[in-house]
């Protein structure tokens, strides 16, 4: 069965909203997702701006653990260079304990200078910090003890409490787009999480590389690719297109500003070669075309159209998980909840039957 969840972005691109109103709206969407039967709710980590402001997703998920009963709770993602590995491991075990094993643990590296600078961490260190912290934490969640001898996080052996209640194998996720991140996801037996910014067929070389590395390293077929994509569903196909392109274009432009996606500063920074190439591409084609191309990769339209889009993804990728971002670009929360509800009634039951076959690529 295809697992289908939803992602909370905590963006405040409607200037009329206060931070408190935005938080209330995001939490209402999360609670609605459980009522509607979605499999998981995921939460981002971002700091300091209207682009997105959820500085501690494990804290937010602890709150949701107390307000929900069934839905799985995911981090998309904990940005490891901004967090002490010991504290990440402790909080993860605490959330998993109070939620009775519902935590899905995703890690990411982060990219924005506007977030890294207040943490006083240069972008050139992010790759090494992530590669040191991720295995350290995953190992600790299996053993109940954390230790490390690396240059960034020297850690004397310490016992963690609460103790692990179950293994996190099968619940590990890494946001992976750059070649080094793909290697690390496969090495650590984590599911590859990808935020869709181009058509899935264009991303298949990256997904295939992950599957090859995983199968070669562990002697088993890689787990499903976890796709995260914007979604707007409405019975009126034309209205859906109009609203979707308005809000997703606004969301894309906020990404460009936040991450300086068309900037030249990525060139020469270790571990950021892919982002330098993407920035050059955006400068070449122009941001308006880039925004429209991005909008076209998302899920939008009537239930029938969206079901066809999901089927096309399945045909291209094989085995995958799907996470929908239903509230983005300053979209009113009543529209986001209506979209999420229509998808749940008309698409979700059929889409769950579209799971692809596991893909073996080692041969």
Protein backbone atom coordinates (compact mmCIF):
# COMPACT_ATOMS: atom_id res chain seq x y z
CA UNK A 1 0.00 0.00 0.00
CA UNK A 2 1.33 3.44 -0.95
CA UNK A 3 2.02 5.52 2.18
CA UNK A 4 0.65 9.06 1.80
CA UNK A 5 1.41 11.78 4.33
CA UNK A 6 1.45 15.57 4.44
CA UNK A 7 4.07 18.18 5.27
CA UNK A 8 3.76 21.33 7.38
CA UNK A 9 5.88 24.16 5.99
CA UNK A 10 5.24 26.93 8.60
CA UNK A 11 5.60 29.65 5.98
CA UNK A 12 4.01 33.05 6.61
CA UNK A 13 3.76 34.53 3.13
CA UNK A 14 0.41 36.18 3.91
CA UNK A 15 1.49 39.46 5.56
CA UNK A 16 -1.91 39.83 7.26
CA UNK A 17 -1.29 36.77 9.46
CA UNK A 18 0.48 36.95 12.80
CA UNK A 19 2.92 34.20 13.74
CA UNK A 20 0.36 32.89 16.23
CA UNK A 21 -2.35 32.71 13.57
CA UNK A 22 0.03 30.92 11.21
CA UNK A 23 0.89 28.34 13.87
CA UNK A 24 -2.78 27.79 14.63
CA UNK A 25 -3.49 27.25 10.94
CA UNK A 26 -0.64 24.77 10.50
CA UNK A 27 -1.70 22.76 13.55
CA UNK A 28 -5.32 22.66 12.35
CA UNK A 29 -4.10 21.19 9.05
CA UNK A 30 -2.13 18.54 10.96
CA UNK A 31 -5.11 17.53 13.08
CA UNK A 32 -7.32 17.47 9.99
CA UNK A 33 -4.83 15.08 8.35
CA UNK A 34 -5.33 12.55 11.13
CA UNK A 35 -9.12 12.85 10.93
CA UNK A 36 -8.97 12.33 7.16
CA UNK A 37 -6.86 9.18 7.39
CA UNK A 38 -3.46 10.32 6.13
CA UNK A 39 -0.54 8.14 7.17
CA UNK A 40 1.94 10.72 8.46
CA UNK A 41 2.46 14.39 9.23
CA UNK A 42 5.93 15.80 8.60
CA UNK A 43 7.39 19.03 9.99
CA UNK A 44 10.25 21.16 8.67
CA UNK A 45 13.00 22.96 10.61
CA UNK A 46 13.63 26.57 9.63
CA UNK A 47 14.69 29.73 11.43
CA UNK A 48 14.55 33.52 11.43
CA UNK A 49 12.17 34.50 8.59
CA UNK A 50 8.68 34.44 7.11
CA UNK A 51 9.87 31.88 4.56
CA UNK A 52 9.40 29.25 7.25
CA UNK A 53 9.68 29.42 11.02
CA UNK A 54 9.62 26.17 12.94
CA UNK A 55 12.87 26.20 14.92
CA UNK A 56 12.36 22.81 16.61
CA UNK A 57 10.32 20.20 14.77
CA UNK A 58 10.80 17.53 17.45
CA UNK A 59 9.28 19.90 20.01
CA UNK A 60 6.35 20.53 17.65
CA UNK A 61 5.89 16.79 17.09
CA UNK A 62 5.85 16.18 20.85
CA UNK A 63 2.89 18.59 20.97
CA UNK A 64 1.16 16.74 18.12
CA UNK A 65 1.84 13.41 19.82
CA UNK A 66 -0.40 14.56 22.64
CA UNK A 67 -3.17 15.72 20.30
CA UNK A 68 -3.25 12.71 17.95
CA UNK A 69 -3.60 8.97 18.36
CA UNK A 70 -2.69 7.20 15.13
CA UNK A 71 -0.84 9.30 12.58
CA UNK A 72 2.92 8.87 12.25
CA UNK A 73 5.08 11.90 13.12
CA UNK A 74 8.02 12.81 10.88
CA UNK A 75 10.86 15.34 10.80
CA UNK A 76 11.49 16.73 7.30
CA UNK A 77 14.05 17.36 8.48
CA UNK A 78 16.19 17.96 11.57
CA UNK A 79 19.05 20.05 10.15
CA UNK A 80 21.98 18.39 11.86
CA UNK A 81 24.64 21.14 11.69
CA UNK A 82 22.29 23.41 13.67
CA UNK A 83 21.79 20.86 16.46
CA UNK A 84 23.90 19.01 19.00
CA UNK A 85 23.80 15.25 18.21
CA UNK A 86 23.31 14.31 21.87
CA UNK A 87 20.23 16.53 22.15
CA UNK A 88 18.79 15.29 18.85
CA UNK A 89 19.10 11.69 20.02
CA UNK A 90 17.54 12.43 23.42
CA UNK A 91 14.61 14.34 21.96
CA UNK A 92 14.00 11.71 19.29
CA UNK A 93 13.80 8.98 21.91
CA UNK A 94 11.48 11.11 24.03
CA UNK A 95 9.09 11.79 21.13
CA UNK A 96 9.14 8.13 20.12
CA UNK A 97 8.35 7.12 23.69
CA UNK A 98 5.46 9.51 24.29
CA UNK A 99 3.98 8.77 20.83
CA UNK A 100 4.29 5.00 21.34
CA UNK A 101 6.63 4.46 18.41
CA UNK A 102 5.17 6.84 15.83
CA UNK A 103 8.33 8.87 15.09
CA UNK A 104 9.81 8.90 11.57
CA UNK A 105 13.24 10.52 11.79
CA UNK A 106 14.51 12.53 8.84
CA UNK A 107 17.79 14.48 8.74
CA UNK A 108 18.96 17.21 6.38
CA UNK A 109 21.97 19.46 5.83
CA UNK A 110 20.43 22.87 5.20
CA UNK A 111 21.50 25.38 2.61
CA UNK A 112 20.58 28.98 3.44
CA UNK A 113 23.27 31.50 4.43
CA UNK A 114 20.57 33.54 6.22
CA UNK A 115 20.10 30.60 8.60
CA UNK A 116 23.71 29.47 8.89
CA UNK A 117 25.19 32.87 9.68
CA UNK A 118 23.32 33.37 13.00
CA UNK A 119 24.49 29.88 14.02
CA UNK A 120 28.06 31.03 13.18
CA UNK A 121 28.69 28.03 10.94
CA UNK A 122 30.29 28.52 7.49
CA UNK A 123 28.63 26.72 4.57
CA UNK A 124 31.92 25.01 3.83
CA UNK A 125 31.64 22.98 7.04
CA UNK A 126 28.11 21.68 6.54
CA UNK A 127 29.03 18.52 4.63
CA UNK A 128 31.57 17.35 7.22
CA UNK A 129 29.32 18.25 10.16
CA UNK A 130 26.41 16.32 8.69
CA UNK A 131 28.50 13.27 7.83
CA UNK A 132 29.86 13.17 11.38
CA UNK A 133 26.54 13.69 13.18
CA UNK A 134 24.15 11.47 11.19
CA UNK A 135 25.79 8.05 11.82
CA UNK A 136 26.53 9.07 15.41
CA UNK A 137 22.82 9.68 16.10
CA UNK A 138 21.47 6.70 14.17
CA UNK A 139 23.89 4.38 16.01
CA UNK A 140 22.85 5.86 19.36
CA UNK A 141 19.16 5.25 18.67
CA UNK A 142 19.89 1.56 18.15
CA UNK A 143 22.24 1.02 21.10
CA UNK A 144 20.98 3.52 23.67
CA UNK A 145 24.49 4.97 24.00
CA UNK A 146 26.00 7.94 22.17
CA UNK A 147 29.69 8.61 21.62
CA UNK A 148 31.93 10.21 19.04
CA UNK A 149 35.53 11.18 18.42
CA UNK A 150 35.05 13.56 15.52
CA UNK A 151 36.39 17.09 15.33
CA UNK A 152 33.00 18.81 15.46
CA UNK A 153 31.14 16.70 18.02
CA UNK A 154 33.58 14.98 20.40
CA UNK A 155 31.27 13.07 22.70
CA UNK A 156 32.20 10.92 25.72
CA UNK A 157 30.12 7.75 25.84
CA UNK A 158 26.79 8.52 27.52
CA UNK A 159 23.68 6.44 28.15
CA UNK A 160 20.48 7.90 26.72
CA UNK A 161 17.17 8.05 28.55
CA UNK A 162 14.46 7.23 27.81
CA UNK A 163 15.93 4.07 26.35
CA UNK A 164 15.09 3.06 22.76
CA UNK A 165 11.74 1.26 22.61
CA UNK A 166 12.31 -0.14 19.09
CA UNK A 167 14.75 0.02 16.20
CA UNK A 168 14.68 2.99 13.84
CA UNK A 169 15.66 0.82 10.85
CA UNK A 170 12.86 1.42 8.39
CA UNK A 171 12.18 4.80 9.99
CA UNK A 172 15.39 6.58 8.94
CA UNK A 173 15.23 9.28 6.27
CA UNK A 174 17.85 11.58 4.74
CA UNK A 175 17.09 14.52 2.48
CA UNK A 176 19.38 13.76 -0.45
CA UNK A 177 19.93 15.68 -3.66
CA UNK A 178 23.68 16.21 -3.89
CA UNK A 179 25.86 13.20 -4.79
CA UNK A 180 27.46 13.09 -1.32
CA UNK A 181 24.05 13.03 0.38
CA UNK A 182 22.90 10.18 -1.86
CA UNK A 183 25.99 8.19 -0.83
CA UNK A 184 25.34 8.86 2.85
CA UNK A 185 21.65 7.90 2.63
CA UNK A 186 22.56 4.55 1.10
CA UNK A 187 25.42 3.95 3.54
CA UNK A 188 23.23 4.60 6.60
CA UNK A 189 20.31 2.44 5.35
CA UNK A 190 18.07 5.49 5.31
CA UNK A 191 15.22 6.17 2.93
CA UNK A 192 16.07 8.84 0.40
CA UNK A 193 13.81 11.88 0.81
CA UNK A 194 13.51 14.14 -2.21
CA UNK A 195 11.69 17.47 -2.57
CA UNK A 196 10.43 17.45 -6.15
CA UNK A 197 11.64 20.48 -8.11
CA UNK A 198 11.80 18.85 -11.55
CA UNK A 199 9.75 16.16 -13.31
CA UNK A 200 10.37 12.75 -11.74
CA UNK A 201 11.80 11.21 -14.96
CA UNK A 202 14.53 13.89 -14.88
CA UNK A 203 15.44 12.82 -11.33
CA UNK A 204 15.68 9.11 -12.08
CA UNK A 205 19.50 9.04 -12.50
CA UNK A 206 19.82 10.25 -8.90
CA UNK A 207 17.25 7.74 -7.62
CA UNK A 208 18.89 4.91 -9.57
CA UNK A 209 22.31 5.78 -8.14
CA UNK A 210 20.88 5.63 -4.60
CA UNK A 211 19.29 2.24 -5.31
CA UNK A 212 22.55 0.89 -6.76
CA UNK A 213 24.60 2.07 -3.78
CA UNK A 214 22.07 0.74 -1.27
CA UNK A 215 21.73 -2.68 -2.84
CA UNK A 216 25.48 -3.08 -3.27
CA UNK A 217 26.22 -2.04 0.32
CA UNK A 218 23.51 -4.03 2.09
CA UNK A 219 22.62 -6.92 -0.20
CA UNK A 220 18.94 -6.00 -0.31
CA UNK A 221 16.64 -3.90 -2.46
CA UNK A 222 16.51 -0.24 -1.45
CA UNK A 223 13.42 0.99 0.41
CA UNK A 224 10.85 3.23 -1.33
CA UNK A 225 11.96 6.68 -2.46
CA UNK A 226 10.17 9.30 -0.32
CA UNK A 227 8.83 12.12 -2.51
CA UNK A 228 7.66 15.47 -1.12
CA UNK A 229 5.54 17.59 -3.48
CA UNK A 230 3.15 20.56 -3.40
CA UNK A 231 -0.51 19.65 -3.99
CA UNK A 232 -3.72 21.55 -4.65
CA UNK A 233 -6.93 19.64 -5.36
CA UNK A 234 -10.26 21.17 -6.44
CA UNK A 235 -13.26 19.79 -8.33
CA UNK A 236 -13.00 22.68 -10.82
CA UNK A 237 -9.88 21.87 -12.83
CA UNK A 238 -9.39 25.38 -14.18
CA UNK A 239 -9.85 27.01 -10.77
CA UNK A 240 -7.38 24.52 -9.34
CA UNK A 241 -4.83 25.48 -11.97
CA UNK A 242 -5.32 29.20 -11.34
CA UNK A 243 -4.94 28.94 -7.57
CA UNK A 244 -2.14 26.40 -7.69
CA UNK A 245 0.05 28.42 -10.03
CA UNK A 246 -0.57 31.60 -8.03
CA UNK A 247 0.45 30.12 -4.70
CA UNK A 248 3.15 27.74 -5.86
CA UNK A 249 4.84 30.51 -7.87
CA UNK A 250 4.84 32.68 -4.75
CA UNK A 251 6.28 29.77 -2.76
CA UNK A 252 8.97 29.18 -5.38
CA UNK A 253 10.01 32.82 -5.35
CA UNK A 254 10.28 32.71 -1.56
CA UNK A 255 12.58 29.69 -1.96
CA UNK A 256 14.72 31.59 -4.43
CA UNK A 257 15.07 34.50 -2.02
CA UNK A 258 15.62 32.40 1.08
CA UNK A 259 18.22 30.08 -0.44
CA UNK A 260 19.68 32.64 -2.87
CA UNK A 261 19.06 29.97 -5.48
CA UNK A 262 20.21 32.13 -8.39
CA UNK A 263 23.25 33.41 -6.53
CA UNK A 264 26.90 32.88 -7.38
CA UNK A 265 28.10 32.21 -3.84
CA UNK A 266 27.77 28.40 -4.09
CA UNK A 267 30.67 28.21 -6.54
CA UNK A 268 33.76 26.86 -4.85
CA UNK A 269 32.01 25.84 -1.60
CA UNK A 270 32.67 22.22 -0.66
CA UNK A 271 29.61 20.02 -1.09
CA UNK A 272 27.61 22.68 -2.95
CA UNK A 273 28.60 21.96 -6.54
CA UNK A 274 25.08 20.82 -7.48
CA UNK A 275 23.57 24.03 -6.12
CA UNK A 276 26.08 26.12 -8.06
CA UNK A 277 25.01 24.35 -11.25
CA UNK A 278 21.31 24.87 -10.45
CA UNK A 279 21.92 28.57 -9.75
CA UNK A 280 23.65 28.98 -13.11
CA UNK A 281 20.69 27.25 -14.79
CA UNK A 282 18.20 29.60 -13.11
CA UNK A 283 20.22 32.62 -14.21
CA UNK A 284 20.24 31.26 -17.75
CA UNK A 285 16.51 30.56 -18.16
CA UNK A 286 15.16 33.31 -15.89
CA UNK A 287 13.23 32.98 -12.65
CA UNK A 288 9.77 33.31 -14.21
CA UNK A 289 10.29 30.25 -16.40
CA UNK A 290 11.92 28.41 -13.50
CA UNK A 291 8.88 29.15 -11.31
CA UNK A 292 6.44 27.93 -13.95
CA UNK A 293 8.50 24.79 -14.54
CA UNK A 294 8.48 24.12 -10.80
CA UNK A 295 4.70 24.62 -10.59
CA UNK A 296 4.19 22.15 -13.41
CA UNK A 297 6.00 19.38 -11.50
CA UNK A 298 3.58 19.60 -8.56
CA UNK A 299 0.23 17.82 -8.15
CA UNK A 300 -2.72 20.02 -9.06
CA UNK A 301 -6.17 19.87 -10.55
CA UNK A 302 -9.26 17.74 -10.20
CA UNK A 303 -9.11 14.43 -8.33
CA UNK A 304 -9.02 12.60 -11.66
CA UNK A 305 -6.09 14.66 -12.94
CA UNK A 306 -4.10 14.25 -9.71
CA UNK A 307 -4.68 10.50 -9.63
CA UNK A 308 -3.29 10.33 -13.15
CA UNK A 309 -0.26 12.37 -12.10
CA UNK A 310 0.44 9.99 -9.21
CA UNK A 311 0.07 7.01 -11.52
CA UNK A 312 2.60 8.57 -13.89
CA UNK A 313 5.04 9.00 -10.99
CA UNK A 314 4.55 5.33 -10.05
CA UNK A 315 5.22 4.25 -13.63
CA UNK A 316 8.45 6.27 -13.71
CA UNK A 317 9.86 5.50 -10.27
CA UNK A 318 8.46 2.18 -9.09
CA UNK A 319 8.28 1.85 -5.30
CA UNK A 320 7.82 5.19 -3.51
CA UNK A 321 6.21 7.05 -0.61
CA UNK A 322 4.30 10.30 -1.13
CA UNK A 323 4.19 13.37 1.10
CA UNK A 324 1.92 16.25 0.11
CA UNK A 325 2.52 19.89 0.99
CA UNK A 326 -1.05 21.27 1.06
CA UNK A 327 -0.50 24.81 2.47
CA UNK A 328 2.05 26.99 0.70
CA UNK A 329 2.63 30.43 -0.78
CA UNK A 330 0.22 32.21 1.55
CA UNK A 331 -2.73 30.02 0.58
CA UNK A 332 -5.66 30.55 2.99
CA UNK A 333 -5.91 27.64 5.40
CA UNK A 334 -9.57 27.01 4.58
CA UNK A 335 -8.54 26.38 0.96
CA UNK A 336 -5.69 24.10 2.05
CA UNK A 337 -8.00 22.06 4.30
CA UNK A 338 -10.66 21.81 1.58
CA UNK A 339 -8.00 20.58 -0.87
CA UNK A 340 -6.70 18.05 1.66
CA UNK A 341 -10.25 16.86 2.33
CA UNK A 342 -11.18 16.41 -1.33
CA UNK A 343 -7.94 14.52 -1.95
CA UNK A 344 -8.71 12.26 1.03
CA UNK A 345 -12.21 11.46 -0.23
CA UNK A 346 -11.60 11.13 -3.95
CA UNK A 347 -7.91 10.33 -4.46
CA UNK A 348 -6.48 8.73 -1.32
CA UNK A 349 -8.35 5.38 -1.46
CA UNK A 350 -7.38 4.81 -5.10
CA UNK A 351 -3.86 6.22 -4.82
CA UNK A 352 -2.99 3.83 -2.01
CA UNK A 353 -3.35 1.01 -4.52
CA UNK A 354 -0.77 2.57 -6.87
CA UNK A 355 2.33 1.46 -4.99
CA UNK A 356 5.04 0.42 -7.43
CA UNK A 357 7.12 -2.72 -7.32
CA UNK A 358 10.43 -2.69 -5.43
CA UNK A 359 13.21 -1.97 -7.91
CA UNK A 360 16.41 -4.04 -8.05
CA UNK A 361 19.20 -2.30 -9.94
CA UNK A 362 22.42 -3.94 -8.71
CA UNK A 363 22.67 -6.22 -11.73
